[in-house]
Amino acid sequence: MTGLVVGQENPLTMITSNSLYEVQSHVAMTGHMQSVLAVFINEDVWQGLSEENRTQITQVLDAKAEESLVWAQESEAEL
């Protein structure tokens, strides 16, 4: 034995859609991976927006982040 461990880290949806189950025999259900979407904006552009627009953008992004998390959890539950 070499002590080498071969592994990969992906959400269950990725494992399924890419047929990784064909080449791996085990999966560790750690629950540590969540669907994440980072949104970046230039600070000068952000500060150039009105407070109302910044609030609206933040609210929409917060809502979509929650929807994305729920979708990811439901998708994994279906597998």
PDB file of N, CA and C in Angstrom:
ATOM      1  N   MET A   1       0.834  -1.184   0.000  1.00  0.00           N
ATOM      2  CA  MET A   1       0.000   0.000   0.000  1.00  0.00           C
ATOM      3  C   MET A   1       0.880   1.250   0.000  1.00  0.00           C
ATOM      4  N   THR A   2       0.467   2.211  -0.777  1.00  0.00           N
ATOM      5  CA  THR A   2       1.224   3.465  -0.858  1.00  0.00           C
ATOM      6  C   THR A   2       0.704   4.509   0.110  1.00  0.00           C
ATOM      7  N   GLY A   3      -0.490   4.308   0.649  1.00  0.00           N
ATOM      8  CA  GLY A   3      -1.086   5.303   1.526  1.00  0.00           C
ATOM      9  C   GLY A   3      -1.785   6.409   0.760  1.00  0.00           C
ATOM     10  N   LEU A   4      -1.819   6.282  -0.556  1.00  0.00           N
ATOM     11  CA  LEU A   4      -2.435   7.296  -1.409  1.00  0.00           C
ATOM     12  C   LEU A   4      -3.955   7.191  -1.347  1.00  0.00           C
ATOM     13  N   VAL A   5      -4.589   8.314  -1.183  1.00  0.00           N
ATOM     14  CA  VAL A   5      -6.049   8.374  -1.204  1.00  0.00           C
ATOM     15  C   VAL A   5      -6.460   9.144  -2.444  1.00  0.00           C
ATOM     16  N   VAL A   6      -7.323   8.556  -3.240  1.00  0.00           N
ATOM     17  CA  VAL A   6      -7.838   9.227  -4.429  1.00  0.00           C
ATOM     18  C   VAL A   6      -9.263   9.652  -4.111  1.00  0.00           C
ATOM     19  N   GLY A   7      -9.548  10.917  -4.306  1.00  0.00           N
ATOM     20  CA  GLY A   7     -10.881  11.404  -3.991  1.00  0.00           C
ATOM     21  C   GLY A   7     -11.224  12.643  -4.784  1.00  0.00           C
ATOM     22  N   GLN A   8     -12.429  13.098  -4.611  1.00  0.00           N
ATOM     23  CA  GLN A   8     -12.895  14.326  -5.246  1.00  0.00           C
ATOM     24  C   GLN A   8     -13.964  14.922  -4.362  1.00  0.00           C
ATOM     25  N   GLU A   9     -14.206  16.183  -4.527  1.00  0.00           N
ATOM     26  CA  GLU A   9     -15.194  16.877  -3.712  1.00  0.00           C
ATOM     27  C   GLU A   9     -16.140  17.642  -4.628  1.00  0.00           C
ATOM     28  N   ASN A  10     -17.380  17.232  -4.630  1.00  0.00           N
ATOM     29  CA  ASN A  10     -18.395  17.884  -5.449  1.00  0.00           C
ATOM     30  C   ASN A  10     -19.759  17.678  -4.814  1.00  0.00           C
ATOM     31  N   PRO A  11     -20.714  18.537  -5.134  1.00  0.00           N
ATOM     32  CA  PRO A  11     -22.092  18.299  -4.695  1.00  0.00           C
ATOM     33  C   PRO A  11     -22.634  17.034  -5.365  1.00  0.00           C
ATOM     34  N   LEU A  12     -23.620  16.420  -4.741  1.00  0.00           N
ATOM     35  CA  LEU A  12     -24.204  15.201  -5.309  1.00  0.00           C
ATOM     36  C   LEU A  12     -24.735  15.426  -6.718  1.00  0.00           C
ATOM     37  N   THR A  13     -25.288  16.603  -6.972  1.00  0.00           N
ATOM     38  CA  THR A  13     -25.812  16.873  -8.313  1.00  0.00           C
ATOM     39  C   THR A  13     -24.705  16.811  -9.357  1.00  0.00           C
ATOM     40  N   MET A  14     -23.507  17.271  -9.020  1.00  0.00           N
ATOM     41  CA  MET A  14     -22.381  17.231  -9.943  1.00  0.00           C
ATOM     42  C   MET A  14     -21.891  15.793 -10.127  1.00  0.00           C
ATOM     43  N   ILE A  15     -21.853  15.035  -9.042  1.00  0.00           N
ATOM     44  CA  ILE A  15     -21.437  13.637  -9.122  1.00  0.00           C
ATOM     45  C   ILE A  15     -22.378  12.879 -10.047  1.00  0.00           C
ATOM     46  N   THR A  16     -23.668  13.126  -9.903  1.00  0.00           N
ATOM     47  CA  THR A  16     -24.661  12.438 -10.725  1.00  0.00           C
ATOM     48  C   THR A  16     -24.604  12.885 -12.181  1.00  0.00           C
ATOM     49  N   SER A  17     -24.591  14.187 -12.417  1.00  0.00           N
ATOM     50  CA  SER A  17     -24.635  14.681 -13.799  1.00  0.00           C
ATOM     51  C   SER A  17     -23.380  14.332 -14.588  1.00  0.00           C
ATOM     52  N   ASN A  18     -22.257  14.124 -13.903  1.00  0.00           N
ATOM     53  CA  ASN A  18     -21.014  13.766 -14.589  1.00  0.00           C
ATOM     54  C   ASN A  18     -20.682  12.278 -14.460  1.00  0.00           C
ATOM     55  N   SER A  19     -21.631  11.495 -13.965  1.00  0.00           N
ATOM     56  CA  SER A  19     -21.485  10.041 -13.830  1.00  0.00           C
ATOM     57  C   SER A  19     -20.241   9.632 -13.051  1.00  0.00           C
ATOM     58  N   LEU A  20     -19.862  10.437 -12.065  1.00  0.00           N
ATOM     59  CA  LEU A  20     -18.685  10.096 -11.267  1.00  0.00           C
ATOM     60  C   LEU A  20     -18.908   8.829 -10.449  1.00  0.00           C
ATOM     61  N   TYR A  21     -20.165   8.448 -10.239  1.00  0.00           N
ATOM     62  CA  TYR A  21     -20.473   7.213  -9.527  1.00  0.00           C
ATOM     63  C   TYR A  21     -19.954   5.993 -10.276  1.00  0.00           C
ATOM     64  N   GLU A  22     -19.646   6.159 -11.568  1.00  0.00           N
ATOM     65  CA  GLU A  22     -19.102   5.046 -12.348  1.00  0.00           C
ATOM     66  C   GLU A  22     -17.653   4.738 -11.981  1.00  0.00           C
ATOM     67  N   VAL A  23     -16.954   5.704 -11.413  1.00  0.00           N
ATOM     68  CA  VAL A  23     -15.531   5.509 -11.108  1.00  0.00           C
ATOM     69  C   VAL A  23     -15.215   5.668  -9.620  1.00  0.00           C
ATOM     70  N   GLN A  24     -16.224   5.830  -8.796  1.00  0.00           N
ATOM     71  CA  GLN A  24     -15.991   5.911  -7.353  1.00  0.00           C
ATOM     72  C   GLN A  24     -16.979   5.001  -6.658  1.00  0.00           C
ATOM     73  N   SER A  25     -16.535   4.427  -5.561  1.00  0.00           N
ATOM     74  CA  SER A  25     -17.383   3.460  -4.865  1.00  0.00           C
ATOM     75  C   SER A  25     -17.976   3.996  -3.564  1.00  0.00           C
ATOM     76  N   HIS A  26     -17.478   5.136  -3.081  1.00  0.00           N
ATOM     77  CA  HIS A  26     -17.947   5.666  -1.808  1.00  0.00           C
ATOM     78  C   HIS A  26     -18.204   7.164  -1.909  1.00  0.00           C
ATOM     79  N   VAL A  27     -19.071   7.643  -1.028  1.00  0.00           N
ATOM     80  CA  VAL A  27     -19.314   9.080  -0.915  1.00  0.00           C
ATOM     81  C   VAL A  27     -19.472   9.411   0.571  1.00  0.00           C
ATOM     82  N   ALA A  28     -18.846  10.474   0.993  1.00  0.00           N
ATOM     83  CA  ALA A  28     -18.968  10.931   2.380  1.00  0.00           C
ATOM     84  C   ALA A  28     -19.992  12.065   2.417  1.00  0.00           C
ATOM     85  N   MET A  29     -21.053  11.861   3.148  1.00  0.00           N
ATOM     86  CA  MET A  29     -22.126  12.850   3.245  1.00  0.00           C
ATOM     87  C   MET A  29     -21.829  13.795   4.412  1.00  0.00           C
ATOM     88  N   THR A  30     -20.975  14.774   4.173  1.00  0.00           N
ATOM     89  CA  THR A  30     -20.546  15.685   5.234  1.00  0.00           C
ATOM     90  C   THR A  30     -21.476  16.875   5.408  1.00  0.00           C
ATOM     91  N   GLY A  31     -22.234  17.214   4.378  1.00  0.00           N
ATOM     92  CA  GLY A  31     -23.149  18.349   4.455  1.00  0.00           C
ATOM     93  C   GLY A  31     -22.451  19.700   4.489  1.00  0.00           C
ATOM     94  N   HIS A  32     -21.169  19.728   4.178  1.00  0.00           N
ATOM     95  CA  HIS A  32     -20.428  20.987   4.291  1.00  0.00           C
ATOM     96  C   HIS A  32     -20.474  21.845   3.035  1.00  0.00           C
ATOM     97  N   MET A  33     -20.885  21.282   1.918  1.00  0.00           N
ATOM     98  CA  MET A  33     -20.901  22.057   0.674  1.00  0.00           C
ATOM     99  C   MET A  33     -22.286  22.610   0.416  1.00  0.00           C
ATOM    100  N   GLN A  34     -22.346  23.885   0.195  1.00  0.00           N
ATOM    101  CA  GLN A  34     -23.594  24.528  -0.166  1.00  0.00           C
ATOM    102  C   GLN A  34     -23.394  25.246  -1.489  1.00  0.00           C
ATOM    103  N   SER A  35     -24.486  25.499  -2.139  1.00  0.00           N
ATOM    104  CA  SER A  35     -24.425  26.235  -3.396  1.00  0.00           C
ATOM    105  C   SER A  35     -24.057  27.685  -3.099  1.00  0.00           C
ATOM    106  N   VAL A  36     -22.989  28.150  -3.714  1.00  0.00           N
ATOM    107  CA  VAL A  36     -22.491  29.497  -3.440  1.00  0.00           C
ATOM    108  C   VAL A  36     -22.362  30.271  -4.746  1.00  0.00           C
ATOM    109  N   LEU A  37     -22.798  31.491  -4.719  1.00  0.00           N
ATOM    110  CA  LEU A  37     -22.646  32.374  -5.870  1.00  0.00           C
ATOM    111  C   LEU A  37     -22.092  33.694  -5.368  1.00  0.00           C
ATOM    112  N   ALA A  38     -20.909  34.023  -5.835  1.00  0.00           N
ATOM    113  CA  ALA A  38     -20.289  35.288  -5.431  1.00  0.00           C
ATOM    114  C   ALA A  38     -20.615  36.363  -6.462  1.00  0.00           C
ATOM    115  N   VAL A  39     -20.967  37.518  -5.984  1.00  0.00           N
ATOM    116  CA  VAL A  39     -21.251  38.654  -6.854  1.00  0.00           C
ATOM    117  C   VAL A  39     -20.279  39.767  -6.487  1.00  0.00           C
ATOM    118  N   PHE A  40     -19.597  40.283  -7.489  1.00  0.00           N
ATOM    119  CA  PHE A  40     -18.605  41.329  -7.263  1.00  0.00           C
ATOM    120  C   PHE A  40     -19.005  42.588  -8.022  1.00  0.00           C
ATOM    121  N   ILE A  41     -18.705  43.727  -7.433  1.00  0.00           N
ATOM    122  CA  ILE A  41     -18.947  45.001  -8.100  1.00  0.00           C
ATOM    123  C   ILE A  41     -17.852  45.968  -7.659  1.00  0.00           C
ATOM    124  N   ASN A  42     -17.413  46.771  -8.566  1.00  0.00           N
ATOM    125  CA  ASN A  42     -16.409  47.778  -8.277  1.00  0.00           C
ATOM    126  C   ASN A  42     -16.925  48.718  -7.189  1.00  0.00           C
ATOM    127  N   GLU A  43     -16.080  49.013  -6.212  1.00  0.00           N
ATOM    128  CA  GLU A  43     -16.492  49.858  -5.080  1.00  0.00           C
ATOM    129  C   GLU A  43     -16.974  51.230  -5.534  1.00  0.00           C
ATOM    130  N   ASP A  44     -16.289  51.824  -6.506  1.00  0.00           N
ATOM    131  CA  ASP A  44     -16.715  53.145  -6.990  1.00  0.00           C
ATOM    132  C   ASP A  44     -18.089  53.077  -7.654  1.00  0.00           C
ATOM    133  N   VAL A  45     -18.319  52.009  -8.410  1.00  0.00           N
ATOM    134  CA  VAL A  45     -19.631  51.826  -9.052  1.00  0.00           C
ATOM    135  C   VAL A  45     -20.697  51.642  -7.975  1.00  0.00           C
ATOM    136  N   TRP A  46     -20.395  50.786  -6.980  1.00  0.00           N
ATOM    137  CA  TRP A  46     -21.352  50.532  -5.896  1.00  0.00           C
ATOM    138  C   TRP A  46     -21.699  51.821  -5.159  1.00  0.00           C
ATOM    139  N   GLN A  47     -20.691  52.593  -4.823  1.00  0.00           N
ATOM    140  CA  GLN A  47     -20.921  53.844  -4.106  1.00  0.00           C
ATOM    141  C   GLN A  47     -21.618  54.879  -4.984  1.00  0.00           C
ATOM    142  N   GLY A  48     -21.505  54.719  -6.302  1.00  0.00           N
ATOM    143  CA  GLY A  48     -22.164  55.628  -7.228  1.00  0.00           C
ATOM    144  C   GLY A  48     -23.656  55.371  -7.367  1.00  0.00           C
ATOM    145  N   LEU A  49     -24.106  54.215  -6.885  1.00  0.00           N
ATOM    146  CA  LEU A  49     -25.534  53.897  -6.917  1.00  0.00           C
ATOM    147  C   LEU A  49     -26.240  54.598  -5.766  1.00  0.00           C
ATOM    148  N   SER A  50     -27.506  54.842  -5.966  1.00  0.00           N
ATOM    149  CA  SER A  50     -28.283  55.442  -4.877  1.00  0.00           C
ATOM    150  C   SER A  50     -28.452  54.418  -3.755  1.00  0.00           C
ATOM    151  N   GLU A  51     -28.707  54.896  -2.560  1.00  0.00           N
ATOM    152  CA  GLU A  51     -28.948  54.004  -1.419  1.00  0.00           C
ATOM    153  C   GLU A  51     -30.127  53.081  -1.713  1.00  0.00           C
ATOM    154  N   GLU A  52     -31.146  53.622  -2.374  1.00  0.00           N
ATOM    155  CA  GLU A  52     -32.319  52.812  -2.739  1.00  0.00           C
ATOM    156  C   GLU A  52     -31.921  51.668  -3.669  1.00  0.00           C
ATOM    157  N   ASN A  53     -31.108  51.962  -4.681  1.00  0.00           N
ATOM    158  CA  ASN A  53     -30.678  50.918  -5.607  1.00  0.00           C
ATOM    159  C   ASN A  53     -29.799  49.880  -4.918  1.00  0.00           C
ATOM    160  N   ARG A  54     -28.898  50.317  -4.045  1.00  0.00           N
ATOM    161  CA  ARG A  54     -28.051  49.363  -3.320  1.00  0.00           C
ATOM    162  C   ARG A  54     -28.909  48.447  -2.447  1.00  0.00           C
ATOM    163  N   THR A  55     -29.916  49.022  -1.807  1.00  0.00           N
ATOM    164  CA  THR A  55     -30.817  48.227  -0.971  1.00  0.00           C
ATOM    165  C   THR A  55     -31.583  47.219  -1.816  1.00  0.00           C
ATOM    166  N   GLN A  56     -32.100  47.654  -2.955  1.00  0.00           N
ATOM    167  CA  GLN A  56     -32.846  46.753  -3.840  1.00  0.00           C
ATOM    168  C   GLN A  56     -31.956  45.617  -4.331  1.00  0.00           C
ATOM    169  N   ILE A  57     -30.752  45.945  -4.759  1.00  0.00           N
ATOM    170  CA  ILE A  57     -29.823  44.920  -5.250  1.00  0.00           C
ATOM    171  C   ILE A  57     -29.509  43.923  -4.140  1.00  0.00           C
ATOM    172  N   THR A  58     -29.230  44.421  -2.955  1.00  0.00           N
ATOM    173  CA  THR A  58     -28.915  43.549  -1.822  1.00  0.00           C
ATOM    174  C   THR A  58     -30.092  42.638  -1.490  1.00  0.00           C
ATOM    175  N   GLN A  59     -31.298  43.169  -1.512  1.00  0.00           N
ATOM    176  CA  GLN A  59     -32.485  42.361  -1.211  1.00  0.00           C
ATOM    177  C   GLN A  59     -32.693  41.269  -2.253  1.00  0.00           C
ATOM    178  N   VAL A  60     -32.523  41.608  -3.523  1.00  0.00           N
ATOM    179  CA  VAL A  60     -32.692  40.615  -4.588  1.00  0.00           C
ATOM    180  C   VAL A  60     -31.631  39.525  -4.467  1.00  0.00           C
ATOM    181  N   LEU A  61     -30.385  39.920  -4.234  1.00  0.00           N
ATOM    182  CA  LEU A  61     -29.314  38.932  -4.099  1.00  0.00           C
ATOM    183  C   LEU A  61     -29.538  38.031  -2.889  1.00  0.00           C
ATOM    184  N   ASP A  62     -29.984  38.590  -1.775  1.00  0.00           N
ATOM    185  CA  ASP A  62     -30.283  37.782  -0.592  1.00  0.00           C
ATOM    186  C   ASP A  62     -31.388  36.771  -0.888  1.00  0.00           C
ATOM    187  N   ALA A  63     -32.439  37.215  -1.575  1.00  0.00           N
ATOM    188  CA  ALA A  63     -33.553  36.325  -1.908  1.00  0.00           C
ATOM    189  C   ALA A  63     -33.100  35.221  -2.852  1.00  0.00           C
ATOM    190  N   LYS A  64     -32.320  35.573  -3.858  1.00  0.00           N
ATOM    191  CA  LYS A  64     -31.844  34.574  -4.820  1.00  0.00           C
ATOM    192  C   LYS A  64     -30.872  33.595  -4.170  1.00  0.00           C
ATOM    193  N   ALA A  65     -30.075  34.065  -3.228  1.00  0.00           N
ATOM    194  CA  ALA A  65     -29.163  33.173  -2.507  1.00  0.00           C
ATOM    195  C   ALA A  65     -29.958  32.137  -1.722  1.00  0.00           C
ATOM    196  N   GLU A  66     -31.031  32.572  -1.074  1.00  0.00           N
ATOM    197  CA  GLU A  66     -31.879  31.646  -0.323  1.00  0.00           C
ATOM    198  C   GLU A  66     -32.546  30.651  -1.263  1.00  0.00           C
ATOM    199  N   GLU A  67     -33.061  31.121  -2.402  1.00  0.00           N
ATOM    200  CA  GLU A  67     -33.679  30.228  -3.386  1.00  0.00           C
ATOM    201  C   GLU A  67     -32.672  29.205  -3.889  1.00  0.00           C
ATOM    202  N   SER A  68     -31.460  29.648  -4.140  1.00  0.00           N
ATOM    203  CA  SER A  68     -30.413  28.759  -4.634  1.00  0.00           C
ATOM    204  C   SER A  68     -30.091  27.673  -3.612  1.00  0.00           C
ATOM    205  N   LEU A  69     -30.022  28.046  -2.350  1.00  0.00           N
ATOM    206  CA  LEU A  69     -29.746  27.076  -1.296  1.00  0.00           C
ATOM    207  C   LEU A  69     -30.868  26.054  -1.196  1.00  0.00           C
ATOM    208  N   VAL A  70     -32.106  26.514  -1.225  1.00  0.00           N
ATOM    209  CA  VAL A  70     -33.253  25.608  -1.168  1.00  0.00           C
ATOM    210  C   VAL A  70     -33.235  24.673  -2.370  1.00  0.00           C
ATOM    211  N   TRP A  71     -32.973  25.210  -3.567  1.00  0.00           N
ATOM    212  CA  TRP A  71     -32.912  24.384  -4.774  1.00  0.00           C
ATOM    213  C   TRP A  71     -31.837  23.314  -4.629  1.00  0.00           C
ATOM    214  N   ALA A  72     -30.655  23.684  -4.158  1.00  0.00           N
ATOM    215  CA  ALA A  72     -29.555  22.727  -4.012  1.00  0.00           C
ATOM    216  C   ALA A  72     -29.935  21.620  -3.032  1.00  0.00           C
ATOM    217  N   GLN A  73     -30.556  21.989  -1.920  1.00  0.00           N
ATOM    218  CA  GLN A  73     -30.961  20.994  -0.926  1.00  0.00           C
ATOM    219  C   GLN A  73     -32.037  20.068  -1.482  1.00  0.00           C
ATOM    220  N   GLU A  74     -33.001  20.616  -2.204  1.00  0.00           N
ATOM    221  CA  GLU A  74     -34.062  19.798  -2.797  1.00  0.00           C
ATOM    222  C   GLU A  74     -33.503  18.885  -3.880  1.00  0.00           C
ATOM    223  N   SER A  75     -32.577  19.395  -4.681  1.00  0.00           N
ATOM    224  CA  SER A  75     -31.972  18.592  -5.743  1.00  0.00           C
ATOM    225  C   SER A  75     -31.217  17.410  -5.163  1.00  0.00           C
ATOM    226  N   GLU A  76     -30.470  17.645  -4.088  1.00  0.00           N
ATOM    227  CA  GLU A  76     -29.730  16.549  -3.463  1.00  0.00           C
ATOM    228  C   GLU A  76     -30.677  15.551  -2.811  1.00  0.00           C
ATOM    229  N   ALA A  77     -31.774  16.029  -2.253  1.00  0.00           N
ATOM    230  CA  ALA A  77     -32.732  15.134  -1.606  1.00  0.00           C
ATOM    231  C   ALA A  77     -33.388  14.198  -2.617  1.00  0.00           C
ATOM    232  N   GLU A  78     -33.502  14.643  -3.870  1.00  0.00           N
ATOM    233  CA  GLU A  78     -34.125  13.837  -4.915  1.00  0.00           C
ATOM    234  C   GLU A  78     -33.213  12.721  -5.412  1.00  0.00           C
ATOM    235  N   LEU A  79     -31.914  12.825  -5.149  1.00  0.00           N
ATOM    236  CA  LEU A  79     -30.963  11.829  -5.664  1.00  0.00           C
ATOM    237  C   LEU A  79     -30.978  10.556  -4.862  1.00  0.00           C
TER     238      LEU A  79
END
